[in-house]
Amino acid sequence: MKKTDIGRTARRLVSLALAAVFCVLPLASCKKGDAGSDDDDKVYTAGDIAMSTENFTISRAEVSYIFYQNYNEFVNNNSETVNMYNIDTNSSLKTQEYHDGITWFRYFADATVDYMKFVLVFCEAARADGLTLDSDDKEAINKAVSSYGEYAERYGYTVEGLFEKTFNADVNEQVLREYLEKDALAHKYYYDLLSSYEYSDSEMEAFVEENPYRFKSIDYIYYTFDEDNDEGAKESAAQLAAINDAEQFKAYIENYAENEHPGDEVFSIDKYTVKYAARNEYSDFSKWAFDGAHAGETYTVTNDVDGTYSVYLLVSEPSIQEYRTRDFRFIKEYVSGHPSYQKTLEYVNGLLDTWKEGEATEDSFAALADTYNKAADNELGGGLYMNASKSDTTLPEELKQWLFEDGRAAGDTTVVKGDAYYMAVYYIGEDEVQWKLLAKQGLNEKHYQEDYEKLSEKYAVTTDDAVINSLDA
């Protein structure tokens, strides 16, 4: 296994352990369920075995850790929209419907079962290959476990109280350590497996030919006219749809916005300019664009119920993404930790200024990122982000434009704004060609699934559903 892969395994452990801790305080417990099984009156204990293979087991307490790790992370990541998912964090998940008669408990329990199977199967495979944890892995486990004591002290809990608040079960430091050792071993084998896959250019080109929509993208401009705001919306849409030149199309939109809605926020045509868009099977425009449309043609989507007219201009026809992706490091600071956006910006600029006053190297930037980034944002360590693409929807547009500007050089830095954060960025350089990266990812998925199915058949997993159903959730 490569040294970088070992480091990734260790850093992932810290992220895994800390993710739930970061969302302890805002979350309310959903502990309202029965302690016994749904199937009978038997009372299950922390040590009861929920899943096992020949040489490894996962206890009820470990199941609870994984279950609530998934649950807490889901609620934390969707904190602004959790009500849209109809989850009451103060009530039992066993009484709340997710979809079509399936409860939220079943949703998270099924995800937990799938993940436990992955851990056990890969632990068996690792054992068979003689793969063991090294000092880096063990140090990461120690750090992850000890972090709970640090957070307990910070928030005024006992360690036991923090575990109870976070996981709602008989989870303690020993349980956590035993589980993290298995998780680390499984992921060590997983990363080793992925790094063993190699493909020739001809194999990647063949995969592209078989899956063209995974690799092609389009550029387009669009604008939506609304009858609620403009009685002449239909006529305006027809006028825009008659324009086939991109610059004239933009000019019409800008002029319309200025004349019809002068009191609105500052208008930016960039908001309506989309580059490197993949095919979307739920969009009539996208299917039209990918199924033979030509650059310069327009397409109008009419919504009679809402009284809206969306006009699209296809700027470039579907094409393979030939550019090279970009690697960078970042320090992310969330606005929630500061009085305002401006104060957050000043803080991030201050961190960058401090870095510039020191050695101002990539290593010193990485060290700063390890110090200030949240564990969940720092999986690769040092704020490293690899293979950023022009179509990466997880990155701010401002950042992507900066990364791909002509003349960008290694060592360049900037500060950009995200939805609820600011990022200090250090540019490393170019990486894999985008289409080759996508081809490798697709081939990896294919070969991984094949290998995982073989390993799952080789290492049988036994599951006790009653133990899993007995979770107090």
Protein backbone atom coordinates (compact mmCIF):
# COMPACT_ATOMS: atom_id res chain seq x y z
CA MET A 1 0.00 0.00 0.00
CA LYS A 2 1.18 3.51 -0.78
CA LYS A 3 2.23 5.75 2.07
CA THR A 4 -0.43 8.27 1.10
CA ASP A 5 -3.10 5.59 1.34
CA ILE A 6 -2.01 4.63 4.85
CA GLY A 7 -2.25 8.27 5.83
CA ARG A 8 -5.72 8.48 4.33
CA THR A 9 -6.84 5.52 6.44
CA ALA A 10 -5.53 7.12 9.63
CA ARG A 11 -7.02 10.53 8.89
CA ARG A 12 -10.36 8.95 7.99
CA LEU A 13 -10.47 7.41 11.45
CA VAL A 14 -10.19 10.80 13.11
CA SER A 15 -12.90 12.19 10.83
CA LEU A 16 -15.15 9.22 11.55
CA ALA A 17 -14.79 9.53 15.30
CA LEU A 18 -15.12 13.30 15.46
CA ALA A 19 -17.98 13.82 13.00
CA ALA A 20 -20.63 13.01 15.57
CA VAL A 21 -18.91 15.03 18.28
CA PHE A 22 -19.07 18.18 16.21
CA CYS A 23 -22.85 17.95 16.10
CA VAL A 24 -23.44 16.87 19.71
CA LEU A 25 -24.63 20.17 21.11
CA PRO A 26 -27.15 21.21 18.43
CA LEU A 27 -28.80 17.79 18.28
CA ALA A 28 -31.66 16.66 20.44
CA SER A 29 -31.85 12.99 21.28
CA CYS A 30 -34.34 10.82 19.43
CA LYS A 31 -34.24 8.32 22.30
CA LYS A 32 -37.86 7.35 22.77
CA GLY A 33 -37.89 3.74 21.59
CA ASP A 34 -38.22 0.56 23.56
CA ALA A 35 -35.08 -1.06 24.96
CA GLY A 36 -36.25 -4.53 23.93
CA SER A 37 -36.59 -6.10 20.51
CA ASP A 38 -39.47 -5.20 18.21
CA ASP A 39 -40.09 -8.94 17.85
CA ASP A 40 -40.33 -10.03 21.48
CA ASP A 41 -39.87 -8.90 25.07
CA LYS A 42 -36.26 -10.01 25.36
CA VAL A 43 -33.92 -7.32 26.67
CA TYR A 44 -30.67 -7.17 24.72
CA THR A 45 -27.36 -6.03 26.15
CA ALA A 46 -24.42 -4.07 24.79
CA GLY A 47 -22.38 -7.22 24.24
CA ASP A 48 -24.93 -9.15 22.19
CA ILE A 49 -23.60 -9.94 18.71
CA ALA A 50 -25.46 -8.26 15.85
CA MET A 51 -23.27 -9.41 12.96
CA SER A 52 -20.35 -11.79 12.60
CA THR A 53 -17.97 -13.56 10.26
CA GLU A 54 -15.60 -16.41 11.09
CA ASN A 55 -13.03 -14.22 12.86
CA PHE A 56 -14.77 -10.90 13.56
CA THR A 57 -17.92 -9.69 15.31
CA ILE A 58 -19.87 -6.47 15.76
CA SER A 59 -21.75 -6.02 19.03
CA ARG A 60 -25.00 -4.20 19.75
CA ALA A 61 -23.03 -1.33 21.27
CA GLU A 62 -20.91 -1.04 18.11
CA VAL A 63 -24.08 -1.09 16.01
CA SER A 64 -25.39 1.81 18.05
CA TYR A 65 -22.18 3.76 17.42
CA ILE A 66 -22.42 3.23 13.65
CA PHE A 67 -26.18 3.87 13.59
CA TYR A 68 -25.94 7.19 15.42
CA GLN A 69 -22.82 8.18 13.54
CA ASN A 70 -24.90 7.96 10.36
CA TYR A 71 -27.94 9.62 11.94
CA ASN A 72 -26.03 12.51 13.53
CA GLU A 73 -24.09 13.17 10.36
CA PHE A 74 -27.29 13.18 8.29
CA VAL A 75 -29.05 15.63 10.62
CA ASN A 76 -25.97 17.82 10.93
CA ASN A 77 -25.42 17.99 7.16
CA ASN A 78 -29.10 18.81 6.60
CA SER A 79 -29.58 21.05 9.63
CA GLU A 80 -31.20 23.83 7.61
CA THR A 81 -33.69 21.54 5.86
CA VAL A 82 -34.17 18.66 8.30
CA ASN A 83 -37.87 19.54 8.67
CA MET A 84 -38.32 18.86 4.97
CA TYR A 85 -37.38 15.25 5.65
CA ASN A 86 -40.11 14.95 8.30
CA ILE A 87 -37.67 13.94 11.02
CA ASP A 88 -38.54 14.89 14.60
CA THR A 89 -35.23 14.70 16.48
CA ASN A 90 -37.14 14.51 19.80
CA SER A 91 -39.16 11.41 18.90
CA SER A 92 -38.46 7.77 18.18
CA LEU A 93 -37.31 7.06 14.64
CA LYS A 94 -39.32 3.84 14.83
CA THR A 95 -42.57 5.82 14.75
CA GLN A 96 -41.62 8.20 11.91
CA GLU A 97 -42.23 7.26 8.30
CA TYR A 98 -39.48 7.76 5.76
CA HIS A 99 -41.28 6.56 2.65
CA ASP A 100 -44.02 4.14 1.67
CA GLY A 101 -44.39 2.49 5.08
CA ILE A 102 -40.65 2.38 5.78
CA THR A 103 -39.62 4.13 8.99
CA TRP A 104 -36.61 6.38 9.46
CA PHE A 105 -35.27 3.76 11.88
CA ARG A 106 -35.37 1.16 9.11
CA TYR A 107 -33.68 3.60 6.71
CA PHE A 108 -30.71 4.18 9.03
CA ALA A 109 -30.67 0.55 10.22
CA ASP A 110 -30.41 -0.76 6.65
CA ALA A 111 -27.56 1.65 5.92
CA THR A 112 -25.86 0.48 9.11
CA VAL A 113 -26.22 -3.18 8.15
CA ASP A 114 -24.70 -2.53 4.70
CA TYR A 115 -21.77 -0.72 6.25
CA MET A 116 -21.17 -3.38 8.92
CA LYS A 117 -21.08 -6.03 6.21
CA PHE A 118 -18.45 -4.02 4.34
CA VAL A 119 -16.32 -3.72 7.50
CA LEU A 120 -16.50 -7.42 8.37
CA VAL A 121 -15.92 -8.73 4.85
CA PHE A 122 -12.91 -6.49 4.33
CA CYS A 123 -11.53 -7.33 7.78
CA GLU A 124 -11.58 -10.99 6.80
CA ALA A 125 -9.90 -10.19 3.47
CA ALA A 126 -7.25 -8.12 5.24
CA ARG A 127 -6.58 -10.92 7.72
CA ALA A 128 -6.23 -13.44 4.90
CA ASP A 129 -3.68 -11.16 3.19
CA GLY A 130 -1.72 -10.65 6.40
CA LEU A 131 -2.58 -6.95 6.48
CA THR A 132 -2.40 -5.37 9.95
CA LEU A 133 -2.61 -1.94 11.53
CA ASP A 134 0.65 0.00 11.75
CA SER A 135 1.80 2.72 14.15
CA ASP A 136 0.13 5.50 12.13
CA ASP A 137 -3.23 3.73 12.30
CA LYS A 138 -2.92 3.02 16.02
CA GLU A 139 -1.91 6.61 16.73
CA ALA A 140 -4.99 7.82 14.84
CA ILE A 141 -7.21 5.50 16.87
CA ASN A 142 -5.70 6.79 20.12
CA LYS A 143 -6.27 10.36 18.98
CA ALA A 144 -9.86 9.63 17.98
CA VAL A 145 -10.67 7.99 21.30
CA SER A 146 -8.95 10.64 23.43
CA SER A 147 -10.75 13.42 21.54
CA TYR A 148 -13.98 12.48 23.31
CA GLY A 149 -12.43 13.29 26.65
CA GLU A 150 -11.31 16.69 25.33
CA TYR A 151 -14.78 17.52 24.00
CA ALA A 152 -16.47 16.25 27.14
CA GLU A 153 -14.37 18.62 29.23
CA ARG A 154 -14.99 21.52 26.86
CA TYR A 155 -18.78 21.10 26.92
CA GLY A 156 -19.12 20.21 30.58
CA TYR A 157 -19.91 16.50 30.19
CA THR A 158 -18.40 13.40 31.64
CA VAL A 159 -17.00 11.10 28.97
CA GLU A 160 -19.78 8.65 29.74
CA GLY A 161 -22.35 11.43 29.47
CA LEU A 162 -20.96 12.52 26.12
CA PHE A 163 -21.22 9.00 24.73
CA GLU A 164 -24.79 8.72 26.04
CA LYS A 165 -25.72 12.08 24.53
CA THR A 166 -24.23 11.17 21.17
CA PHE A 167 -24.99 7.48 20.72
CA ASN A 168 -27.85 6.60 23.09
CA ALA A 169 -26.45 3.19 24.04
CA ASP A 170 -23.80 1.27 25.96
CA VAL A 171 -20.94 2.82 24.01
CA ASN A 172 -17.76 3.47 25.96
CA GLU A 173 -14.09 4.03 25.16
CA GLN A 174 -13.38 0.30 24.91
CA VAL A 175 -16.28 -0.27 22.51
CA LEU A 176 -15.18 2.70 20.40
CA ARG A 177 -11.59 1.50 20.25
CA GLU A 178 -12.55 -2.05 19.31
CA TYR A 179 -14.79 -0.81 16.52
CA LEU A 180 -12.32 1.75 15.15
CA GLU A 181 -9.66 -0.96 14.91
CA LYS A 182 -11.96 -2.99 12.67
CA ASP A 183 -12.98 0.06 10.64
CA ALA A 184 -9.32 0.99 10.12
CA LEU A 185 -8.36 -2.51 9.02
CA ALA A 186 -11.27 -2.71 6.58
CA HIS A 187 -10.46 0.63 4.99
CA LYS A 188 -6.78 -0.20 4.79
CA TYR A 189 -7.66 -3.20 2.66
CA TYR A 190 -10.20 -1.12 0.70
CA TYR A 191 -7.65 1.56 -0.24
CA ASP A 192 -5.11 -1.13 -1.08
CA LEU A 193 -7.66 -2.79 -3.39
CA LEU A 194 -8.48 0.45 -5.20
CA SER A 195 -4.80 1.32 -5.65
CA SER A 196 -4.22 -2.05 -7.32
CA TYR A 197 -6.50 -1.21 -10.26
CA GLU A 198 -4.64 -0.05 -13.36
CA TYR A 199 -6.05 0.65 -16.84
CA SER A 200 -4.58 1.25 -20.27
CA ASP A 201 -5.67 4.18 -22.43
CA SER A 202 -7.50 1.76 -24.71
CA GLU A 203 -9.50 0.36 -21.78
CA MET A 204 -10.47 3.86 -20.67
CA GLU A 205 -11.38 4.89 -24.22
CA ALA A 206 -13.56 1.80 -24.58
CA PHE A 207 -15.34 2.66 -21.33
CA VAL A 208 -16.03 6.16 -22.66
CA GLU A 209 -17.51 4.71 -25.84
CA GLU A 210 -19.78 2.44 -23.78
CA ASN A 211 -20.89 5.27 -21.44
CA PRO A 212 -20.77 8.51 -23.46
CA TYR A 213 -23.15 10.50 -21.23
CA ARG A 214 -20.85 10.07 -18.24
CA PHE A 215 -18.10 12.00 -20.00
CA LYS A 216 -19.73 14.60 -22.20
CA SER A 217 -20.92 18.01 -21.07
CA ILE A 218 -22.55 21.13 -22.47
CA ASP A 219 -22.48 24.89 -21.89
CA TYR A 220 -25.68 26.91 -21.92
CA ILE A 221 -27.34 30.16 -20.88
CA TYR A 222 -30.90 30.39 -19.57
CA TYR A 223 -33.43 32.77 -18.08
CA THR A 224 -36.91 32.31 -16.58
CA PHE A 225 -39.73 34.79 -17.11
CA ASP A 226 -42.57 34.78 -14.57
CA GLU A 227 -46.09 36.06 -15.25
CA ASP A 228 -46.40 36.99 -11.55
CA ASN A 229 -43.69 39.61 -12.06
CA ASP A 230 -44.25 40.51 -15.70
CA GLU A 231 -47.54 40.44 -17.61
CA GLY A 232 -45.56 40.25 -20.85
CA ALA A 233 -43.52 37.23 -19.73
CA LYS A 234 -44.69 35.04 -22.61
CA GLU A 235 -43.85 37.68 -25.23
CA SER A 236 -40.45 38.38 -23.62
CA ALA A 237 -39.64 34.66 -23.64
CA ALA A 238 -40.54 34.44 -27.33
CA GLN A 239 -38.25 37.38 -28.11
CA LEU A 240 -35.35 35.80 -26.23
CA ALA A 241 -35.95 32.42 -27.89
CA ALA A 242 -35.46 34.08 -31.29
CA ILE A 243 -31.88 35.07 -30.41
CA ASN A 244 -29.18 32.59 -31.43
CA ASP A 245 -26.02 34.53 -30.57
CA ALA A 246 -24.64 34.05 -27.04
CA GLU A 247 -23.55 37.64 -26.48
CA GLN A 248 -26.85 39.04 -27.76
CA PHE A 249 -28.70 36.46 -25.63
CA LYS A 250 -26.84 37.69 -22.53
CA ALA A 251 -27.40 41.34 -23.44
CA TYR A 252 -31.16 40.80 -23.74
CA ILE A 253 -31.30 39.18 -20.29
CA GLU A 254 -29.22 41.94 -18.70
CA ASN A 255 -31.32 44.66 -20.30
CA TYR A 256 -34.56 42.94 -19.29
CA ALA A 257 -33.43 42.58 -15.69
CA GLU A 258 -32.35 46.21 -15.51
CA ASN A 259 -35.57 47.58 -17.00
CA GLU A 260 -38.15 45.23 -15.49
CA HIS A 261 -36.67 44.71 -12.02
CA PRO A 262 -34.48 47.72 -11.20
CA GLY A 263 -35.03 47.32 -7.44
CA ASP A 264 -33.73 43.75 -7.27
CA GLU A 265 -30.33 42.77 -5.93
CA VAL A 266 -27.30 43.37 -8.12
CA PHE A 267 -27.79 41.32 -11.28
CA SER A 268 -25.11 38.93 -12.50
CA ILE A 269 -25.35 37.09 -15.80
CA ASP A 270 -22.95 34.50 -14.36
CA LYS A 271 -25.86 33.16 -12.33
CA TYR A 272 -27.57 32.14 -15.58
CA THR A 273 -24.47 30.88 -17.40
CA VAL A 274 -23.80 27.16 -16.92
CA LYS A 275 -20.63 25.41 -18.04
CA TYR A 276 -19.71 21.73 -18.18
CA ALA A 277 -23.20 20.50 -17.36
CA ALA A 278 -23.71 16.74 -17.48
CA ARG A 279 -26.80 15.08 -18.94
CA ASN A 280 -29.83 15.25 -16.63
CA GLU A 281 -32.51 12.67 -17.34
CA TYR A 282 -35.04 14.72 -15.37
CA SER A 283 -34.62 17.79 -17.58
CA ASP A 284 -36.38 17.99 -20.95
CA PHE A 285 -33.91 20.66 -22.03
CA SER A 286 -30.91 18.51 -21.10
CA LYS A 287 -32.21 15.49 -22.98
CA TRP A 288 -32.91 17.72 -26.00
CA ALA A 289 -29.42 19.21 -25.85
CA PHE A 290 -27.71 15.81 -25.66
CA ASP A 291 -29.89 14.14 -28.29
CA GLY A 292 -28.83 16.05 -31.40
CA ALA A 293 -29.36 19.76 -30.75
CA HIS A 294 -26.88 22.22 -32.24
CA ALA A 295 -25.03 25.16 -30.74
CA GLY A 296 -27.00 28.38 -31.22
CA GLU A 297 -30.40 26.71 -30.96
CA THR A 298 -32.86 27.64 -28.20
CA TYR A 299 -35.32 25.58 -26.20
CA THR A 300 -38.28 26.86 -24.15
CA VAL A 301 -39.87 25.10 -21.19
CA THR A 302 -43.36 26.35 -20.34
CA ASN A 303 -44.94 25.74 -16.94
CA ASP A 304 -48.65 26.56 -17.29
CA VAL A 305 -49.33 26.00 -13.58
CA ASP A 306 -46.68 28.46 -12.36
CA GLY A 307 -46.96 30.74 -15.35
CA THR A 308 -43.23 30.61 -16.10
CA TYR A 309 -41.24 30.40 -19.32
CA SER A 310 -37.64 29.21 -19.20
CA VAL A 311 -35.57 29.88 -22.30
CA TYR A 312 -32.28 28.02 -22.89
CA LEU A 313 -29.56 28.75 -25.44
CA LEU A 314 -27.20 25.86 -26.17
CA VAL A 315 -23.73 27.41 -26.34
CA SER A 316 -21.66 24.28 -26.93
CA GLU A 317 -22.68 20.80 -28.03
CA PRO A 318 -21.85 17.68 -25.96
CA SER A 319 -18.11 17.11 -25.85
CA ILE A 320 -15.50 15.17 -23.90
CA GLN A 321 -13.80 17.13 -21.09
CA GLU A 322 -10.14 17.23 -22.12
CA TYR A 323 -8.79 19.70 -19.56
CA ARG A 324 -6.61 18.75 -16.60
CA THR A 325 -8.09 18.82 -13.12
CA ARG A 326 -6.53 20.90 -10.34
CA ASP A 327 -5.09 20.14 -6.90
CA PHE A 328 -5.14 22.65 -4.05
CA ARG A 329 -5.10 22.98 -0.27
CA PHE A 330 -7.62 24.96 1.74
CA ILE A 331 -8.43 26.31 5.17
CA LYS A 332 -12.20 26.54 5.66
CA GLU A 333 -13.77 28.79 8.30
CA TYR A 334 -17.53 28.75 8.87
CA VAL A 335 -19.50 31.96 9.36
CA SER A 336 -21.44 30.34 12.23
CA GLY A 337 -18.36 30.75 14.43
CA HIS A 338 -18.16 34.52 13.93
CA PRO A 339 -20.43 37.57 14.36
CA SER A 340 -20.74 38.19 10.60
CA TYR A 341 -19.48 37.33 7.12
CA GLN A 342 -17.16 40.31 7.26
CA LYS A 343 -15.61 39.18 10.54
CA THR A 344 -15.17 35.67 9.11
CA LEU A 345 -13.43 37.11 6.05
CA GLU A 346 -11.12 39.19 8.24
CA TYR A 347 -10.28 36.11 10.30
CA VAL A 348 -9.40 34.00 7.23
CA ASN A 349 -7.32 36.83 5.76
CA GLY A 350 -5.54 37.03 9.09
CA LEU A 351 -4.67 33.31 8.94
CA LEU A 352 -3.33 33.77 5.43
CA ASP A 353 -1.29 36.82 6.46
CA THR A 354 0.19 34.84 9.35
CA TRP A 355 1.18 32.09 6.93
CA LYS A 356 2.82 34.62 4.57
CA GLU A 357 4.86 36.04 7.44
CA GLY A 358 6.31 32.59 8.15
CA GLU A 359 7.93 30.09 5.79
CA ALA A 360 5.04 30.49 3.32
CA THR A 361 5.52 26.96 1.93
CA GLU A 362 3.02 24.30 0.96
CA ASP A 363 4.02 22.29 4.04
CA SER A 364 3.42 25.23 6.38
CA PHE A 365 0.02 25.85 4.74
CA ALA A 366 -0.84 22.15 5.21
CA ALA A 367 0.13 22.37 8.88
CA LEU A 368 -2.13 25.40 9.30
CA ALA A 369 -4.99 23.53 7.59
CA ASP A 370 -4.55 20.58 9.98
CA THR A 371 -4.79 23.01 12.89
CA TYR A 372 -7.88 24.97 11.81
CA ASN A 373 -9.96 22.70 9.57
CA LYS A 374 -12.74 20.58 11.03
CA ALA A 375 -11.96 16.89 10.85
CA ALA A 376 -14.93 16.27 8.55
CA ASP A 377 -13.43 18.73 6.03
CA ASN A 378 -9.91 17.35 6.30
CA GLU A 379 -10.13 13.71 5.24
CA LEU A 380 -6.95 13.75 3.14
CA GLY A 381 -5.07 15.86 5.67
CA GLY A 382 -3.45 19.26 5.22
CA GLY A 383 -6.59 20.65 3.60
CA LEU A 384 -5.77 18.68 0.46
CA TYR A 385 -8.32 18.64 -2.37
CA MET A 386 -7.37 16.61 -5.44
CA ASN A 387 -8.72 16.52 -8.99
CA ALA A 388 -11.05 19.51 -8.77
CA SER A 389 -13.07 19.80 -11.97
CA LYS A 390 -14.87 22.64 -13.69
CA SER A 391 -18.16 20.82 -13.12
CA ASP A 392 -17.61 20.15 -9.40
CA THR A 393 -20.83 21.40 -7.78
CA THR A 394 -19.35 21.16 -4.26
CA LEU A 395 -16.95 24.03 -4.94
CA PRO A 396 -17.80 27.76 -5.13
CA GLU A 397 -17.90 29.13 -8.68
CA GLU A 398 -15.47 31.85 -7.63
CA LEU A 399 -12.95 29.19 -6.63
CA LYS A 400 -13.31 27.20 -9.86
CA GLN A 401 -12.81 30.30 -11.96
CA TRP A 402 -9.66 31.13 -10.00
CA LEU A 403 -8.27 27.60 -10.22
CA PHE A 404 -8.63 27.43 -14.00
CA GLU A 405 -7.48 30.94 -14.88
CA ASP A 406 -4.69 31.12 -17.45
CA GLY A 407 -1.32 31.64 -15.86
CA ARG A 408 -2.23 30.12 -12.51
CA ALA A 409 1.03 29.02 -10.86
CA ALA A 410 1.97 26.71 -8.00
CA GLY A 411 2.06 28.63 -4.73
CA ASP A 412 -0.63 31.16 -5.68
CA THR A 413 -3.09 31.91 -2.88
CA THR A 414 -6.49 33.54 -2.55
CA VAL A 415 -9.57 33.76 -0.32
CA VAL A 416 -13.00 32.81 -1.71
CA LYS A 417 -16.53 32.84 -0.32
CA GLY A 418 -18.75 29.76 -0.09
CA ASP A 419 -22.40 29.43 0.95
CA ALA A 420 -21.68 29.71 4.68
CA TYR A 421 -17.90 29.89 4.89
CA TYR A 422 -14.71 31.45 3.58
CA MET A 423 -11.72 29.50 2.30
CA ALA A 424 -8.05 30.39 2.14
CA VAL A 425 -6.68 28.49 -0.87
CA TYR A 426 -3.17 27.37 -1.87
CA TYR A 427 -2.80 26.26 -5.50
CA ILE A 428 -0.69 23.12 -6.05
CA GLY A 429 -1.03 22.47 -9.77
CA GLU A 430 -2.57 20.37 -12.52
CA ASP A 431 -3.55 16.73 -12.13
CA GLU A 432 -5.33 14.02 -14.14
CA VAL A 433 -7.16 14.79 -17.41
CA GLN A 434 -10.85 15.00 -16.52
CA TRP A 435 -12.18 12.35 -18.89
CA LYS A 436 -9.48 9.89 -17.82
CA LEU A 437 -10.27 10.57 -14.17
CA LEU A 438 -13.96 9.85 -14.79
CA ALA A 439 -13.09 6.72 -16.76
CA LYS A 440 -10.90 5.42 -13.93
CA GLN A 441 -13.64 6.14 -11.40
CA GLY A 442 -16.20 4.30 -13.52
CA LEU A 443 -13.91 1.32 -14.07
CA ASN A 444 -13.02 1.29 -10.37
CA GLU A 445 -16.72 1.12 -9.49
CA LYS A 446 -17.20 -1.78 -11.87
CA HIS A 447 -14.19 -3.78 -10.67
CA TYR A 448 -14.80 -2.96 -7.02
CA GLN A 449 -18.38 -4.25 -7.15
CA GLU A 450 -17.17 -7.44 -8.82
CA ASP A 451 -14.45 -7.94 -6.19
CA TYR A 452 -16.77 -7.10 -3.31
CA GLU A 453 -19.36 -9.64 -4.49
CA LYS A 454 -16.66 -12.32 -4.68
CA LEU A 455 -15.37 -11.46 -1.20
CA SER A 456 -18.92 -11.43 0.20
CA GLU A 457 -19.45 -14.95 -1.13
CA LYS A 458 -16.11 -16.08 0.28
CA TYR A 459 -16.61 -14.59 3.76
CA ALA A 460 -20.15 -15.36 4.90
CA VAL A 461 -21.81 -12.83 7.19
CA THR A 462 -24.35 -13.81 9.84
CA THR A 463 -26.82 -11.15 10.98
CA ASP A 464 -29.10 -11.12 14.03
CA ASP A 465 -31.90 -8.72 13.04
CA ALA A 466 -33.45 -8.85 16.50
CA VAL A 467 -30.32 -7.33 18.06
CA ILE A 468 -30.30 -4.54 15.50
CA ASN A 469 -34.03 -3.90 15.92
CA SER A 470 -33.56 -3.64 19.67
CA LEU A 471 -31.65 -0.37 19.39
CA ASP A 472 -33.18 2.36 21.53
CA ALA A 473 -33.83 4.83 18.73
